[in-house]
Structure formats: structure tokens, C-alpha cells
């Protein structure tokens, strides 16, 4: 992964997520981690789609 400078807000969000994940029971941790990873991957994919084609618009 390339070095990336995070904003203070991103760091706060990451810390909050880490604290939430630390509270997840051991038997559920794999499932929750998988769900979080899928959400983050989807958000990253959406950001790349928006960056390459400009803002998404809906036309009827």
C-alpha cells in the first residue's frame, strides 16, 4: 500500500472503528471484520468510479 497522509477526521474515524472492533466478541470477530472490509472496498470502488467519470448523476 502506498503511503497516504490521513486527515485528523480520518484518524478519528479509524480510531473509533478500532475501538468498536475491539469490543466484538471473539466468535463474531471474523464475520464483523469481513463485513467492514467489504464496506470499505465498496466505498473505495465507488470513489474510484466517481473520480474517473466525474460526479454520478441520475437521468430518467
PDB file of N, CA and C in Angstrom:
ATOM      1  N   UNK A   1       0.845  -1.177   0.000  1.00  0.00           N
ATOM      2  CA  UNK A   1       0.000   0.000   0.000  1.00  0.00           C
ATOM      3  C   UNK A   1       0.886   1.235   0.000  1.00  0.00           C
ATOM      4  N   UNK A   2       0.527   2.177  -0.797  1.00  0.00           N
ATOM      5  CA  UNK A   2       1.297   3.415  -0.876  1.00  0.00           C
ATOM      6  C   UNK A   2       1.108   4.233   0.398  1.00  0.00           C
ATOM      7  N   UNK A   3       2.122   5.011   0.753  1.00  0.00           N
ATOM      8  CA  UNK A   3       1.996   5.889   1.907  1.00  0.00           C
ATOM      9  C   UNK A   3       0.905   6.910   1.636  1.00  0.00           C
ATOM     10  N   UNK A   4       0.094   7.147   2.642  1.00  0.00           N
ATOM     11  CA  UNK A   4      -1.018   8.070   2.472  1.00  0.00           C
ATOM     12  C   UNK A   4      -1.107   8.929   3.726  1.00  0.00           C
ATOM     13  N   UNK A   5      -1.261  10.211   3.541  1.00  0.00           N
ATOM     14  CA  UNK A   5      -1.427  11.111   4.674  1.00  0.00           C
ATOM     15  C   UNK A   5      -2.926  11.206   4.969  1.00  0.00           C
ATOM     16  N   UNK A   6      -3.283  10.906   6.211  1.00  0.00           N
ATOM     17  CA  UNK A   6      -4.682  10.937   6.602  1.00  0.00           C
ATOM     18  C   UNK A   6      -5.002  12.232   7.328  1.00  0.00           C
ATOM     19  N   UNK A   7      -6.224  12.678   7.151  1.00  0.00           N
ATOM     20  CA  UNK A   7      -6.678  13.876   7.849  1.00  0.00           C
ATOM     21  C   UNK A   7      -6.971  13.515   9.308  1.00  0.00           C
ATOM     22  N   UNK A   8      -7.026  14.513  10.179  1.00  0.00           N
ATOM     23  CA  UNK A   8      -7.392  14.232  11.575  1.00  0.00           C
ATOM     24  C   UNK A   8      -8.758  13.544  11.689  1.00  0.00           C
ATOM     25  N   UNK A   9      -9.708  13.913  10.835  1.00  0.00           N
ATOM     26  CA  UNK A   9     -11.034  13.276  10.849  1.00  0.00           C
ATOM     27  C   UNK A   9     -10.924  11.799  10.491  1.00  0.00           C
ATOM     28  N   UNK A  10     -10.120  11.480   9.479  1.00  0.00           N
ATOM     29  CA  UNK A  10      -9.932  10.084   9.092  1.00  0.00           C
ATOM     30  C   UNK A  10      -9.269   9.290  10.217  1.00  0.00           C
ATOM     31  N   UNK A  11      -8.310   9.902  10.883  1.00  0.00           N
ATOM     32  CA  UNK A  11      -7.651   9.237  12.007  1.00  0.00           C
ATOM     33  C   UNK A  11      -8.635   8.990  13.146  1.00  0.00           C
ATOM     34  N   UNK A  12      -9.494   9.974  13.426  1.00  0.00           N
ATOM     35  CA  UNK A  12     -10.515   9.805  14.463  1.00  0.00           C
ATOM     36  C   UNK A  12     -11.470   8.677  14.098  1.00  0.00           C
ATOM     37  N   UNK A  13     -11.891   8.633  12.826  1.00  0.00           N
ATOM     38  CA  UNK A  13     -12.791   7.573  12.367  1.00  0.00           C
ATOM     39  C   UNK A  13     -12.124   6.204  12.492  1.00  0.00           C
ATOM     40  N   UNK A  14     -10.850   6.120  12.123  1.00  0.00           N
ATOM     41  CA  UNK A  14     -10.121   4.850  12.217  1.00  0.00           C
ATOM     42  C   UNK A  14      -9.999   4.402  13.668  1.00  0.00           C
ATOM     43  N   UNK A  15      -9.724   5.337  14.553  1.00  0.00           N
ATOM     44  CA  UNK A  15      -9.614   5.007  15.972  1.00  0.00           C
ATOM     45  C   UNK A  15     -10.959   4.529  16.529  1.00  0.00           C
ATOM     46  N   UNK A  16     -12.015   5.208  16.114  1.00  0.00           N
ATOM     47  CA  UNK A  16     -13.364   4.821  16.557  1.00  0.00           C
ATOM     48  C   UNK A  16     -13.701   3.406  16.067  1.00  0.00           C
ATOM     49  N   UNK A  17     -13.389   3.117  14.810  1.00  0.00           N
ATOM     50  CA  UNK A  17     -13.639   1.792  14.264  1.00  0.00           C
ATOM     51  C   UNK A  17     -12.826   0.730  14.995  1.00  0.00           C
ATOM     52  N   UNK A  18     -11.561   1.028  15.288  1.00  0.00           N
ATOM     53  CA  UNK A  18     -10.715   0.074  16.010  1.00  0.00           C
ATOM     54  C   UNK A  18     -11.285  -0.221  17.393  1.00  0.00           C
ATOM     55  N   UNK A  19     -11.798   0.799  18.074  1.00  0.00           N
ATOM     56  CA  UNK A  19     -12.392   0.598  19.395  1.00  0.00           C
ATOM     57  C   UNK A  19     -13.653  -0.259  19.310  1.00  0.00           C
ATOM     58  N   UNK A  20     -14.449  -0.028  18.275  1.00  0.00           N
ATOM     59  CA  UNK A  20     -15.665  -0.830  18.086  1.00  0.00           C
ATOM     60  C   UNK A  20     -15.283  -2.283  17.818  1.00  0.00           C
ATOM     61  N   UNK A  21     -14.325  -2.497  16.922  1.00  0.00           N
ATOM     62  CA  UNK A  21     -13.906  -3.865  16.597  1.00  0.00           C
ATOM     63  C   UNK A  21     -13.303  -4.571  17.802  1.00  0.00           C
ATOM     64  N   UNK A  22     -12.645  -3.834  18.681  1.00  0.00           N
ATOM     65  CA  UNK A  22     -12.053  -4.436  19.877  1.00  0.00           C
ATOM     66  C   UNK A  22     -13.122  -4.965  20.826  1.00  0.00           C
ATOM     67  N   UNK A  23     -14.331  -4.432  20.754  1.00  0.00           N
ATOM     68  CA  UNK A  23     -15.424  -4.861  21.634  1.00  0.00           C
ATOM     69  C   UNK A  23     -16.209  -6.049  21.078  1.00  0.00           C
ATOM     70  N   UNK A  24     -15.958  -6.408  19.832  1.00  0.00           N
ATOM     71  CA  UNK A  24     -16.694  -7.513  19.214  1.00  0.00           C
ATOM     72  C   UNK A  24     -16.226  -8.826  19.837  1.00  0.00           C
ATOM     73  N   UNK A  25     -17.170  -9.698  20.227  1.00  0.00           N
ATOM     74  CA  UNK A  25     -16.778 -10.986  20.796  1.00  0.00           C
ATOM     75  C   UNK A  25     -15.929 -11.801  19.816  1.00  0.00           C
ATOM     76  N   UNK A  26     -15.019 -12.582  20.365  1.00  0.00           N
ATOM     77  CA  UNK A  26     -14.070 -13.348  19.557  1.00  0.00           C
ATOM     78  C   UNK A  26     -14.770 -14.209  18.504  1.00  0.00           C
ATOM     79  N   UNK A  27     -15.867 -14.847  18.868  1.00  0.00           N
ATOM     80  CA  UNK A  27     -16.562 -15.742  17.932  1.00  0.00           C
ATOM     81  C   UNK A  27     -17.230 -14.999  16.785  1.00  0.00           C
ATOM     82  N   UNK A  28     -17.410 -13.708  16.888  1.00  0.00           N
ATOM     83  CA  UNK A  28     -18.031 -12.909  15.820  1.00  0.00           C
ATOM     84  C   UNK A  28     -17.032 -12.019  15.086  1.00  0.00           C
ATOM     85  N   UNK A  29     -15.814 -11.943  15.569  1.00  0.00           N
ATOM     86  CA  UNK A  29     -14.832 -11.004  15.024  1.00  0.00           C
ATOM     87  C   UNK A  29     -14.559 -11.237  13.536  1.00  0.00           C
ATOM     88  N   UNK A  30     -14.442 -12.487  13.102  1.00  0.00           N
ATOM     89  CA  UNK A  30     -14.163 -12.774  11.691  1.00  0.00           C
ATOM     90  C   UNK A  30     -15.293 -12.258  10.796  1.00  0.00           C
ATOM     91  N   UNK A  31     -16.525 -12.494  11.207  1.00  0.00           N
ATOM     92  CA  UNK A  31     -17.674 -12.049  10.414  1.00  0.00           C
ATOM     93  C   UNK A  31     -17.742 -10.525  10.343  1.00  0.00           C
ATOM     94  N   UNK A  32     -17.574  -9.868  11.485  1.00  0.00           N
ATOM     95  CA  UNK A  32     -17.642  -8.403  11.511  1.00  0.00           C
ATOM     96  C   UNK A  32     -16.498  -7.804  10.702  1.00  0.00           C
ATOM     97  N   UNK A  33     -15.307  -8.370  10.831  1.00  0.00           N
ATOM     98  CA  UNK A  33     -14.163  -7.877  10.068  1.00  0.00           C
ATOM     99  C   UNK A  33     -14.406  -8.024   8.573  1.00  0.00           C
ATOM    100  N   UNK A  34     -14.986  -9.146   8.166  1.00  0.00           N
ATOM    101  CA  UNK A  34     -15.299  -9.366   6.755  1.00  0.00           C
ATOM    102  C   UNK A  34     -16.318  -8.332   6.262  1.00  0.00           C
ATOM    103  N   UNK A  35     -17.322  -8.049   7.072  1.00  0.00           N
ATOM    104  CA  UNK A  35     -18.339  -7.077   6.675  1.00  0.00           C
ATOM    105  C   UNK A  35     -17.744  -5.672   6.557  1.00  0.00           C
ATOM    106  N   UNK A  36     -16.901  -5.300   7.503  1.00  0.00           N
ATOM    107  CA  UNK A  36     -16.258  -3.984   7.457  1.00  0.00           C
ATOM    108  C   UNK A  36     -15.359  -3.880   6.231  1.00  0.00           C
ATOM    109  N   UNK A  37     -14.604  -4.944   5.957  1.00  0.00           N
ATOM    110  CA  UNK A  37     -13.714  -4.947   4.789  1.00  0.00           C
ATOM    111  C   UNK A  37     -14.507  -4.789   3.492  1.00  0.00           C
ATOM    112  N   UNK A  38     -15.642  -5.489   3.404  1.00  0.00           N
ATOM    113  CA  UNK A  38     -16.475  -5.387   2.206  1.00  0.00           C
ATOM    114  C   UNK A  38     -17.029  -3.977   2.047  1.00  0.00           C
ATOM    115  N   UNK A  39     -17.442  -3.370   3.149  1.00  0.00           N
ATOM    116  CA  UNK A  39     -17.960  -1.997   3.094  1.00  0.00           C
ATOM    117  C   UNK A  39     -16.880  -1.028   2.622  1.00  0.00           C
ATOM    118  N   UNK A  40     -15.677  -1.158   3.194  1.00  0.00           N
ATOM    119  CA  UNK A  40     -14.578  -0.264   2.818  1.00  0.00           C
ATOM    120  C   UNK A  40     -14.204  -0.462   1.351  1.00  0.00           C
ATOM    121  N   UNK A  41     -14.144  -1.715   0.900  1.00  0.00           N
ATOM    122  CA  UNK A  41     -13.821  -1.985  -0.505  1.00  0.00           C
ATOM    123  C   UNK A  41     -14.864  -1.359  -1.431  1.00  0.00           C
ATOM    124  N   UNK A  42     -16.130  -1.455  -1.060  1.00  0.00           N
ATOM    125  CA  UNK A  42     -17.188  -0.855  -1.858  1.00  0.00           C
ATOM    126  C   UNK A  42     -17.072   0.668  -1.903  1.00  0.00           C
ATOM    127  N   UNK A  43     -16.743   1.266  -0.764  1.00  0.00           N
ATOM    128  CA  UNK A  43     -16.576   2.718  -0.717  1.00  0.00           C
ATOM    129  C   UNK A  43     -15.388   3.155  -1.573  1.00  0.00           C
ATOM    130  N   UNK A  44     -14.298   2.393  -1.520  1.00  0.00           N
ATOM    131  CA  UNK A  44     -13.133   2.718  -2.351  1.00  0.00           C
ATOM    132  C   UNK A  44     -13.453   2.579  -3.834  1.00  0.00           C
ATOM    133  N   UNK A  45     -14.187   1.523  -4.196  1.00  0.00           N
ATOM    134  CA  UNK A  45     -14.570   1.329  -5.597  1.00  0.00           C
ATOM    135  C   UNK A  45     -15.458   2.476  -6.078  1.00  0.00           C
ATOM    136  N   UNK A  46     -16.400   2.878  -5.233  1.00  0.00           N
ATOM    137  CA  UNK A  46     -17.282   3.986  -5.606  1.00  0.00           C
ATOM    138  C   UNK A  46     -16.495   5.277  -5.777  1.00  0.00           C
ATOM    139  N   UNK A  47     -15.544   5.525  -4.910  1.00  0.00           N
ATOM    140  CA  UNK A  47     -14.717   6.734  -5.008  1.00  0.00           C
ATOM    141  C   UNK A  47     -13.925   6.725  -6.307  1.00  0.00           C
ATOM    142  N   UNK A  48     -13.397   5.567  -6.696  1.00  0.00           N
ATOM    143  CA  UNK A  48     -12.647   5.488  -7.954  1.00  0.00           C
ATOM    144  C   UNK A  48     -13.560   5.684  -9.154  1.00  0.00           C
ATOM    145  N   UNK A  49     -14.751   5.127  -9.103  1.00  0.00           N
ATOM    146  CA  UNK A  49     -15.700   5.327 -10.209  1.00  0.00           C
ATOM    147  C   UNK A  49     -16.070   6.799 -10.332  1.00  0.00           C
ATOM    148  N   UNK A  50     -16.320   7.440  -9.207  1.00  0.00           N
ATOM    149  CA  UNK A  50     -16.671   8.864  -9.231  1.00  0.00           C
ATOM    150  C   UNK A  50     -15.506   9.707  -9.727  1.00  0.00           C
ATOM    151  N   UNK A  51     -14.300   9.357  -9.350  1.00  0.00           N
ATOM    152  CA  UNK A  51     -13.119  10.133  -9.748  1.00  0.00           C
ATOM    153  C   UNK A  51     -12.857  10.003 -11.244  1.00  0.00           C
ATOM    154  N   UNK A  52     -13.100   8.815 -11.813  1.00  0.00           N
ATOM    155  CA  UNK A  52     -12.788   8.606 -13.221  1.00  0.00           C
ATOM    156  C   UNK A  52     -13.851   9.161 -14.163  1.00  0.00           C
ATOM    157  N   UNK A  53     -15.089   9.238 -13.701  1.00  0.00           N
ATOM    158  CA  UNK A  53     -16.160   9.689 -14.601  1.00  0.00           C
ATOM    159  C   UNK A  53     -16.817  10.975 -14.136  1.00  0.00           C
ATOM    160  N   UNK A  54     -16.296  11.597 -13.109  1.00  0.00           N
ATOM    161  CA  UNK A  54     -16.930  12.798 -12.581  1.00  0.00           C
ATOM    162  C   UNK A  54     -18.061  12.412 -11.652  1.00  0.00           C
ATOM    163  N   UNK A  55     -18.745  13.378 -11.133  1.00  0.00           N
ATOM    164  CA  UNK A  55     -19.831  13.095 -10.190  1.00  0.00           C
ATOM    165  C   UNK A  55     -20.930  12.265 -10.853  1.00  0.00           C
ATOM    166  N   UNK A  56     -21.437  11.321 -10.117  1.00  0.00           N
ATOM    167  CA  UNK A  56     -22.507  10.478 -10.640  1.00  0.00           C
ATOM    168  C   UNK A  56     -23.781  11.288 -10.726  1.00  0.00           C
ATOM    169  N   UNK A  57     -24.497  11.125 -11.805  1.00  0.00           N
ATOM    170  CA  UNK A  57     -25.791  11.792 -11.955  1.00  0.00           C
ATOM    171  C   UNK A  57     -26.820  10.758 -12.363  1.00  0.00           C
ATOM    172  N   UNK A  58     -28.039  11.030 -12.019  1.00  0.00           N
ATOM    173  CA  UNK A  58     -29.119  10.122 -12.352  1.00  0.00           C
ATOM    174  C   UNK A  58     -30.022  10.801 -13.369  1.00  0.00           C
ATOM    175  N   UNK A  59     -30.223  10.120 -14.487  1.00  0.00           N
ATOM    176  CA  UNK A  59     -31.101  10.665 -15.533  1.00  0.00           C
ATOM    177  C   UNK A  59     -32.258   9.726 -15.738  1.00  0.00           C
ATOM    178  N   UNK A  60     -33.440  10.289 -15.875  1.00  0.00           N
ATOM    179  CA  UNK A  60     -34.616   9.473 -16.135  1.00  0.00           C
ATOM    180  C   UNK A  60     -34.909   9.420 -17.611  1.00  0.00           C
TER     181      UNK A  60
END
